[in-house]
Structure formats: structure tokens, C-alpha cells
């Protein structure tokens, strides 16, 4: 079974056992307690250990399988994630991240270096501002690089606009 299904079934099972009437479309976080969450996590964790719940083969996942504390931490995040994102559990709302784009550049070596340098100059506001400016510039460059190139036929543009923009209408782009 996939992870979303495992969280959904474990949540329904725990709520049912607790005598809580939950129907699709309700928001589970409004009725969730620490005890209920622990019981859901225990069910999902046992599903991973028994192999009933899918966990793709990778070095990181092999480590999770062999280390109970890492598996428990993973499952806590997994349950919280699906309680926020699954429309059957979150009141039917489309998920929107709180900080969209906040993960931009996590693998970019230049940005990693800039952030490390920033930590060294936290007591020097002028240098800190310059480093922050460089970080923001690098993020904008990375985001621009991900922008999709839109192709169009320049002949379809109004001639007056194409001339004003300096676009050659004899060749399509």
C-alpha cells in the first residue's frame, strides 16, 4: 500500500477506535490530539516494518528501516504531511505551502557558500547586507533558470506591437 493510503487508513482506524465520527471532507487536525497522533504513527511505523507500506529502496531508506528513531521521525513528518495535504483529511482544501520557493537553491553550491559566509558575518551589518543581497540575486537567477521558455509564432503578433518591441515577424521563435 502507498504511504498516503497507509496514513488515511491508520487515521480512520484510530479515530474509529476512539469513538470519533469522522467523515471525508472534515478537517482531521481540528480533532487530533497528541495521543491519537502517536497511535496513528505507531500503526504506520509497523506497516513500514512489516513491509505492508511502500518504502522505496535507497540508501537513506535502508537507514530508516534499520534505525527506529529515524523511522519514527520520518513517520511523524509523513503523517503531518498527509494530514495537511490529503483532501479527504484536510477539509477538502487544496494544499498551498506556507513559504513557496523556500527550498530554492538547497543543492546550489554557490548559494550554500553564501549562506555559510553569512553566518560568519552576523555581527557586521554592512557586510551582512551585501551577502544577503548576493543571496537574493542568486535565488532570482536560479528561479529564472527554471522558467519555461514559451515558444510562439511571431507572425501572430500584431505588426505594430512587433515593430515596437523589435521582433522580426518573418521568422517564428
Protein backbone atom coordinates (compact mmCIF):
# COMPACT_ATOMS: atom_id res chain seq x y z
CA UNK A 1 0.00 0.00 0.00
CA UNK A 2 1.27 3.50 -0.69
CA UNK A 3 2.08 5.95 2.10
CA UNK A 4 -0.96 8.19 1.60
CA UNK A 5 -3.29 5.20 1.88
CA UNK A 6 -1.45 3.98 4.98
CA UNK A 7 -1.86 7.34 6.74
CA UNK A 8 -5.52 7.58 5.71
CA UNK A 9 -6.37 4.04 6.88
CA UNK A 10 -4.43 4.40 10.13
CA UNK A 11 -6.14 7.73 10.83
CA UNK A 12 -9.60 6.28 10.17
CA UNK A 13 -8.84 3.24 12.32
CA UNK A 14 -7.58 5.27 15.29
CA UNK A 15 -10.47 7.75 15.11
CA UNK A 16 -12.98 4.90 14.89
CA UNK A 17 -11.39 3.12 17.88
CA UNK A 18 -11.57 6.38 19.83
CA UNK A 19 -15.28 6.67 19.03
CA UNK A 20 -14.80 9.79 16.92
CA UNK A 21 -17.17 10.13 13.99
CA UNK A 22 -15.06 11.41 11.10
CA UNK A 23 -16.34 11.79 7.57
CA UNK A 24 -14.49 12.66 4.38
CA UNK A 25 -14.26 16.39 3.97
CA UNK A 26 -13.81 17.13 7.65
CA UNK A 27 -10.52 18.58 8.89
CA UNK A 28 -8.71 15.97 10.96
CA UNK A 29 -6.26 18.42 12.52
CA UNK A 30 -9.08 20.11 14.43
CA UNK A 31 -9.79 16.88 16.35
CA UNK A 32 -6.25 15.49 16.52
CA UNK A 33 -4.67 15.01 19.93
CA UNK A 34 -1.13 14.01 20.78
CA UNK A 35 -2.30 10.56 21.85
CA UNK A 36 -4.26 9.98 18.61
CA UNK A 37 -1.28 11.12 16.53
CA UNK A 38 1.04 8.73 18.41
CA UNK A 39 -1.33 5.83 17.77
CA UNK A 40 -1.55 6.69 14.04
CA UNK A 41 2.24 6.90 13.81
CA UNK A 42 2.62 3.54 15.56
CA UNK A 43 0.31 1.85 13.02
CA UNK A 44 2.13 3.41 10.04
CA UNK A 45 5.53 2.52 11.54
CA UNK A 46 4.54 -1.10 11.98
CA UNK A 47 3.32 -1.08 8.37
CA UNK A 48 6.77 0.01 7.22
CA UNK A 49 8.49 -2.59 9.38
CA UNK A 50 6.27 -5.40 8.12
CA UNK A 51 6.64 -4.28 4.51
CA UNK A 52 2.92 -3.60 4.04
CA UNK A 53 3.60 0.09 3.41
CA UNK A 54 5.86 1.01 0.49
CA UNK A 55 9.28 2.49 1.23
CA UNK A 56 11.38 2.74 -1.92
CA UNK A 57 14.84 1.19 -1.89
CA UNK A 58 17.52 3.83 -1.38
CA UNK A 59 20.48 4.21 0.96
CA UNK A 60 18.57 6.76 3.07
CA UNK A 61 15.52 4.49 3.33
CA UNK A 62 17.70 1.48 4.22
CA UNK A 63 19.00 3.54 7.12
CA UNK A 64 15.43 4.37 8.18
CA UNK A 65 14.47 0.70 8.14
CA UNK A 66 17.35 -0.21 10.45
CA UNK A 67 17.16 2.77 12.82
CA UNK A 68 13.91 3.02 14.81
CA UNK A 69 14.44 6.66 15.79
CA UNK A 70 14.94 7.73 12.15
CA UNK A 71 11.90 5.74 11.04
CA UNK A 72 9.80 7.28 13.81
CA UNK A 73 10.91 10.79 12.85
CA UNK A 74 10.10 10.04 9.20
CA UNK A 75 6.65 8.71 10.06
CA UNK A 76 5.79 11.74 12.22
CA UNK A 77 6.58 14.03 9.30
CA UNK A 78 4.74 11.73 6.88
CA UNK A 79 1.56 11.74 8.98
CA UNK A 80 1.67 15.52 9.44
CA UNK A 81 2.28 15.94 5.72
CA UNK A 82 -0.73 13.85 4.65
CA UNK A 83 -2.97 15.38 7.29
CA UNK A 84 -2.20 18.76 5.66
CA UNK A 85 -2.27 17.66 2.00
CA UNK A 86 -4.87 14.89 1.65
CA UNK A 87 -8.20 16.49 0.73
CA UNK A 88 -10.03 13.63 2.45
CA UNK A 89 -8.34 14.61 5.73
CA UNK A 90 -7.86 18.38 5.49
CA UNK A 91 -11.41 19.59 4.93
CA UNK A 92 -11.22 19.37 1.14
CA UNK A 93 -8.80 22.26 0.81
CA UNK A 94 -6.14 22.38 -1.89
CA UNK A 95 -2.75 22.44 -0.19
CA UNK A 96 -0.71 25.61 -0.51
CA UNK A 97 2.75 25.79 1.02
CA UNK A 98 3.33 28.44 3.68
CA UNK A 99 6.66 29.54 2.19
CA UNK A 100 6.61 28.76 -1.53
CA UNK A 101 10.07 28.67 -3.05
CA UNK A 102 11.80 28.44 0.32
CA UNK A 103 13.72 25.37 -0.81
CA UNK A 104 15.17 27.08 -3.86
CA UNK A 105 18.89 26.50 -4.14
CA UNK A 106 19.33 23.89 -1.45
CA UNK A 107 21.64 21.96 -3.80
CA UNK A 108 23.34 25.02 -5.34
CA UNK A 109 26.96 25.16 -4.16
CA UNK A 110 27.27 28.93 -4.62
CA UNK A 111 24.18 29.55 -2.51
CA UNK A 112 25.38 27.11 0.14
CA UNK A 113 28.68 29.01 0.33
CA UNK A 114 26.92 32.38 0.54
CA UNK A 115 24.73 31.17 3.39
CA UNK A 116 27.77 29.80 5.24
CA UNK A 117 29.61 33.11 4.85
CA UNK A 118 26.51 34.96 6.06
CA UNK A 119 26.69 33.09 9.36
CA UNK A 120 30.29 34.27 9.87
CA UNK A 121 29.39 37.95 9.44
CA UNK A 122 26.23 38.12 11.57
CA UNK A 123 27.80 40.86 13.76
CA UNK A 124 28.74 43.10 10.80
CA UNK A 125 25.53 44.66 9.39
CA UNK A 126 27.13 46.25 6.30
CA UNK A 127 28.77 43.03 5.15
CA UNK A 128 25.68 41.06 6.12
CA UNK A 129 23.52 43.28 3.90
CA UNK A 130 25.87 42.73 0.95
CA UNK A 131 25.85 38.99 1.47
CA UNK A 132 22.04 38.97 1.75
CA UNK A 133 21.83 40.94 -1.49
CA UNK A 134 24.08 38.36 -3.19
CA UNK A 135 21.90 35.54 -1.82
CA UNK A 136 18.72 37.16 -3.13
CA UNK A 137 20.34 37.75 -6.53
CA UNK A 138 21.49 34.13 -6.74
CA UNK A 139 17.99 32.88 -5.84
CA UNK A 140 16.46 35.08 -8.54
CA UNK A 141 18.98 33.71 -11.07
CA UNK A 142 18.11 30.14 -10.08
CA UNK A 143 14.38 30.81 -10.31
CA UNK A 144 14.79 32.48 -13.70
CA UNK A 145 16.71 29.45 -14.94
CA UNK A 146 13.73 27.25 -14.09
CA UNK A 147 11.31 29.43 -16.03
CA UNK A 148 9.90 27.64 -19.02
CA UNK A 149 10.61 29.04 -22.44
CA UNK A 150 7.41 29.88 -24.19
CA UNK A 151 7.52 29.50 -27.93
CA UNK A 152 5.23 31.41 -30.21
CA UNK A 153 4.91 32.37 -33.82
CA UNK A 154 5.97 36.00 -34.12
CA UNK A 155 3.82 36.33 -37.25
CA UNK A 156 0.78 36.00 -34.96
CA UNK A 157 1.63 39.22 -33.12
CA UNK A 158 0.06 42.50 -34.17
CA UNK A 159 2.51 44.12 -36.61
CA UNK A 160 2.60 47.43 -34.74
CA UNK A 161 3.49 45.75 -31.44
CA UNK A 162 6.12 43.51 -33.05
CA UNK A 163 7.78 46.56 -34.63
CA UNK A 164 7.69 48.46 -31.35
CA UNK A 165 9.25 45.51 -29.50
CA UNK A 166 11.82 44.94 -32.24
CA UNK A 167 10.56 41.42 -33.03
CA UNK A 168 11.18 40.14 -36.55
CA UNK A 169 7.90 38.76 -37.85
CA UNK A 170 9.47 36.94 -40.78
CA UNK A 171 10.85 34.19 -38.51
CA UNK A 172 8.96 32.31 -35.81
CA UNK A 173 10.65 31.85 -32.45
